[in-house]
Amino acid sequence: MDTVLANSQPLKEKDVHVWFKAARVDAFPEDGGACVKYKDLQIAVFNFTRQGKWYACQNLCPHKMEMVLSRGMIGDANGMAKVACPLHKKTFSLENGENLNGSLPALTTYPVKIKDGFVYLGFSE
């Protein structure tokens, strides 16, 4: 888990080398999240239908080191999409991973694209 935290930063689409076909769009709840496994990573994927956008970040909450962020509530903080950890309500930007209410490490965020009814996640390896 330390590896996940050590690499916490937004992955830019220009740095994507692999587009992983995660699942069909309809496999994800509207205005909610689900967990997807890629290699040894757990990725929280959010279908933010109120904004018409998709987001992905690490599923590991750096506060209590639990794989729970995909079950968190999503919302808006002054125009920025955010997720609140379901355990202790620590909030993080879904756009850049920044901790919005404290000094916890940022989350790693991943690019998402939708193509032919499928959700793809971008990875550097």
C-alpha atoms as a PDB file:
ATOM      1  CA  MET A   1       0.000   0.000   0.000  1.00  0.00           C
ATOM      2  CA  ASP A   2       2.945   2.300   0.518  1.00  0.00           C
ATOM      3  CA  THR A   3       3.611   2.003  -3.225  1.00  0.00           C
ATOM      4  CA  VAL A   4       0.154   3.404  -3.968  1.00  0.00           C
ATOM      5  CA  LEU A   5       0.757   6.408  -1.718  1.00  0.00           C
ATOM      6  CA  ALA A   6       4.300   7.012  -2.941  1.00  0.00           C
ATOM      7  CA  ASN A   7       3.049   7.400  -6.518  1.00  0.00           C
ATOM      8  CA  SER A   8       0.038   9.597  -5.691  1.00  0.00           C
ATOM      9  CA  GLN A   9      -0.368  12.136  -8.448  1.00  0.00           C
ATOM     10  CA  PRO A  10      -2.672  12.772 -11.381  1.00  0.00           C
ATOM     11  CA  LEU A  11      -1.815  10.755 -14.466  1.00  0.00           C
ATOM     12  CA  LYS A  12      -2.098  12.977 -17.541  1.00  0.00           C
ATOM     13  CA  GLU A  13      -3.689  11.616 -20.705  1.00  0.00           C
ATOM     14  CA  LYS A  14      -0.489  12.433 -22.636  1.00  0.00           C
ATOM     15  CA  ASP A  15       1.345   9.931 -20.371  1.00  0.00           C
ATOM     16  CA  VAL A  16      -1.088   7.052 -21.035  1.00  0.00           C
ATOM     17  CA  HIS A  17       0.467   4.023 -22.733  1.00  0.00           C
ATOM     18  CA  VAL A  18      -2.324   1.533 -21.973  1.00  0.00           C
ATOM     19  CA  TRP A  19      -6.085   2.012 -22.245  1.00  0.00           C
ATOM     20  CA  PHE A  20      -7.649  -0.735 -20.121  1.00  0.00           C
ATOM     21  CA  LYS A  21     -11.184  -1.790 -21.100  1.00  0.00           C
ATOM     22  CA  ALA A  22     -12.786  -1.824 -17.651  1.00  0.00           C
ATOM     23  CA  ALA A  23     -16.472  -2.604 -18.238  1.00  0.00           C
ATOM     24  CA  ARG A  24     -19.623  -1.539 -20.048  1.00  0.00           C
ATOM     25  CA  VAL A  25     -20.929   1.916 -19.156  1.00  0.00           C
ATOM     26  CA  ASP A  26     -24.137   0.433 -17.735  1.00  0.00           C
ATOM     27  CA  ALA A  27     -22.120  -1.619 -15.203  1.00  0.00           C
ATOM     28  CA  PHE A  28     -21.483   1.560 -13.195  1.00  0.00           C
ATOM     29  CA  PRO A  29     -24.106   3.242 -11.020  1.00  0.00           C
ATOM     30  CA  GLU A  30     -25.235   6.725 -11.966  1.00  0.00           C
ATOM     31  CA  ASP A  31     -23.824   9.384  -9.622  1.00  0.00           C
ATOM     32  CA  GLY A  32     -21.818   6.747  -7.799  1.00  0.00           C
ATOM     33  CA  GLY A  33     -18.755   4.571  -7.975  1.00  0.00           C
ATOM     34  CA  ALA A  34     -17.516   1.023  -8.415  1.00  0.00           C
ATOM     35  CA  CYS A  35     -14.158  -0.672  -7.985  1.00  0.00           C
ATOM     36  CA  VAL A  36     -12.170  -2.047 -10.914  1.00  0.00           C
ATOM     37  CA  LYS A  37      -9.026  -4.129 -10.618  1.00  0.00           C
ATOM     38  CA  TYR A  38      -6.092  -3.479 -12.957  1.00  0.00           C
ATOM     39  CA  LYS A  39      -3.033  -5.654 -12.343  1.00  0.00           C
ATOM     40  CA  ASP A  40      -2.405  -5.216  -8.586  1.00  0.00           C
ATOM     41  CA  LEU A  41      -4.287  -1.894  -8.367  1.00  0.00           C
ATOM     42  CA  GLN A  42      -7.806  -1.211  -7.152  1.00  0.00           C
ATOM     43  CA  ILE A  43      -9.283   1.747  -9.023  1.00  0.00           C
ATOM     44  CA  ALA A  44     -12.424   3.633  -7.977  1.00  0.00           C
ATOM     45  CA  VAL A  45     -14.424   4.640 -11.067  1.00  0.00           C
ATOM     46  CA  PHE A  46     -17.163   7.261 -10.776  1.00  0.00           C
ATOM     47  CA  ASN A  47     -20.001   7.969 -13.202  1.00  0.00           C
ATOM     48  CA  PHE A  48     -20.830  11.561 -12.244  1.00  0.00           C
ATOM     49  CA  THR A  49     -23.969  11.849 -14.376  1.00  0.00           C
ATOM     50  CA  ARG A  50     -25.005  15.180 -12.828  1.00  0.00           C
ATOM     51  CA  GLN A  51     -21.863  16.679 -14.398  1.00  0.00           C
ATOM     52  CA  GLY A  52     -21.816  14.399 -17.426  1.00  0.00           C
ATOM     53  CA  LYS A  53     -18.259  13.287 -16.546  1.00  0.00           C
ATOM     54  CA  TRP A  54     -16.353  10.183 -15.513  1.00  0.00           C
ATOM     55  CA  TYR A  55     -13.506  10.054 -12.984  1.00  0.00           C
ATOM     56  CA  ALA A  56     -11.069   7.421 -11.710  1.00  0.00           C
ATOM     57  CA  CYS A  57      -8.713   7.389  -8.730  1.00  0.00           C
ATOM     58  CA  GLN A  58      -7.021   4.952  -6.415  1.00  0.00           C
ATOM     59  CA  ASN A  59      -9.503   3.075  -4.230  1.00  0.00           C
ATOM     60  CA  LEU A  60      -7.214   3.356  -1.177  1.00  0.00           C
ATOM     61  CA  CYS A  61      -8.093   6.105   1.294  1.00  0.00           C
ATOM     62  CA  PRO A  62      -4.803   7.426   2.726  1.00  0.00           C
ATOM     63  CA  HIS A  63      -6.454   8.277   6.051  1.00  0.00           C
ATOM     64  CA  LYS A  64      -7.187   4.791   7.394  1.00  0.00           C
ATOM     65  CA  MET A  65      -5.510   2.810   4.572  1.00  0.00           C
ATOM     66  CA  GLU A  66      -8.741   1.067   3.536  1.00  0.00           C
ATOM     67  CA  MET A  67      -9.879   0.227  -0.014  1.00  0.00           C
ATOM     68  CA  VAL A  68     -13.201   2.071   0.222  1.00  0.00           C
ATOM     69  CA  LEU A  69     -13.263   5.212  -1.924  1.00  0.00           C
ATOM     70  CA  SER A  70     -15.388   3.580  -4.651  1.00  0.00           C
ATOM     71  CA  ARG A  71     -18.193   3.427  -2.061  1.00  0.00           C
ATOM     72  CA  GLY A  72     -17.841   7.097  -1.155  1.00  0.00           C
ATOM     73  CA  MET A  73     -20.342   9.846  -1.851  1.00  0.00           C
ATOM     74  CA  ILE A  74     -19.562  12.139  -4.760  1.00  0.00           C
ATOM     75  CA  GLY A  75     -20.456  15.790  -4.915  1.00  0.00           C
ATOM     76  CA  ASP A  76     -19.322  19.243  -5.924  1.00  0.00           C
ATOM     77  CA  ALA A  77     -17.106  21.728  -4.083  1.00  0.00           C
ATOM     78  CA  ASN A  78     -17.222  25.122  -5.830  1.00  0.00           C
ATOM     79  CA  GLY A  79     -17.377  23.484  -9.247  1.00  0.00           C
ATOM     80  CA  MET A  80     -14.812  20.761  -8.477  1.00  0.00           C
ATOM     81  CA  ALA A  81     -15.925  17.118  -8.406  1.00  0.00           C
ATOM     82  CA  LYS A  82     -15.070  15.418  -5.110  1.00  0.00           C
ATOM     83  CA  VAL A  83     -15.453  12.142  -3.274  1.00  0.00           C
ATOM     84  CA  ALA A  84     -15.895  11.676   0.478  1.00  0.00           C
ATOM     85  CA  CYS A  85     -14.466   8.562   2.109  1.00  0.00           C
ATOM     86  CA  PRO A  86     -17.376   6.514   3.491  1.00  0.00           C
ATOM     87  CA  LEU A  87     -15.477   5.773   6.712  1.00  0.00           C
ATOM     88  CA  HIS A  88     -14.436   9.204   7.989  1.00  0.00           C
ATOM     89  CA  LYS A  89     -15.697  11.719   5.380  1.00  0.00           C
ATOM     90  CA  LYS A  90     -12.250  12.932   4.308  1.00  0.00           C
ATOM     91  CA  THR A  91     -12.792  14.560   0.914  1.00  0.00           C
ATOM     92  CA  PHE A  92     -10.625  14.493  -2.203  1.00  0.00           C
ATOM     93  CA  SER A  93     -10.781  16.181  -5.584  1.00  0.00           C
ATOM     94  CA  LEU A  94     -11.660  13.745  -8.354  1.00  0.00           C
ATOM     95  CA  GLU A  95      -9.927  16.063 -10.796  1.00  0.00           C
ATOM     96  CA  ASN A  96      -6.441  16.194  -9.256  1.00  0.00           C
ATOM     97  CA  GLY A  97      -6.601  13.972  -6.140  1.00  0.00           C
ATOM     98  CA  GLU A  98      -5.949  16.808  -3.670  1.00  0.00           C
ATOM     99  CA  ASN A  99      -7.162  16.345  -0.082  1.00  0.00           C
ATOM    100  CA  LEU A 100      -9.767  19.087   0.345  1.00  0.00           C
ATOM    101  CA  ASN A 101     -10.128  19.104   4.142  1.00  0.00           C
ATOM    102  CA  GLY A 102      -6.770  18.341   5.669  1.00  0.00           C
ATOM    103  CA  SER A 103      -3.172  17.467   4.996  1.00  0.00           C
ATOM    104  CA  LEU A 104      -3.482  13.883   3.770  1.00  0.00           C
ATOM    105  CA  PRO A 105      -1.521  12.808   0.692  1.00  0.00           C
ATOM    106  CA  ALA A 106      -3.209  13.370  -2.660  1.00  0.00           C
ATOM    107  CA  LEU A 107      -4.849  10.489  -4.509  1.00  0.00           C
ATOM    108  CA  THR A 108      -3.585   9.158  -7.797  1.00  0.00           C
ATOM    109  CA  THR A 109      -6.131   9.999 -10.482  1.00  0.00           C
ATOM    110  CA  TYR A 110      -6.439   8.317 -13.872  1.00  0.00           C
ATOM    111  CA  PRO A 111      -7.805   9.417 -17.258  1.00  0.00           C
ATOM    112  CA  VAL A 112     -11.130   7.917 -18.317  1.00  0.00           C
ATOM    113  CA  LYS A 113     -12.595   7.687 -21.779  1.00  0.00           C
ATOM    114  CA  ILE A 114     -15.847   6.242 -23.065  1.00  0.00           C
ATOM    115  CA  LYS A 115     -15.845   4.454 -26.414  1.00  0.00           C
ATOM    116  CA  ASP A 116     -18.509   2.259 -28.011  1.00  0.00           C
ATOM    117  CA  GLY A 117     -20.376   1.871 -24.714  1.00  0.00           C
ATOM    118  CA  PHE A 118     -17.303   0.839 -22.686  1.00  0.00           C
ATOM    119  CA  VAL A 119     -15.302   2.596 -19.973  1.00  0.00           C
ATOM    120  CA  TYR A 120     -11.540   2.704 -20.539  1.00  0.00           C
ATOM    121  CA  LEU A 121      -8.976   3.667 -17.895  1.00  0.00           C
ATOM    122  CA  GLY A 122      -5.590   5.107 -18.797  1.00  0.00           C
ATOM    123  CA  PHE A 123      -2.356   3.812 -17.278  1.00  0.00           C
ATOM    124  CA  SER A 124       1.300   4.576 -17.895  1.00  0.00           C
ATOM    125  CA  GLU A 125       2.291   0.896 -17.896  1.00  0.00           C
END
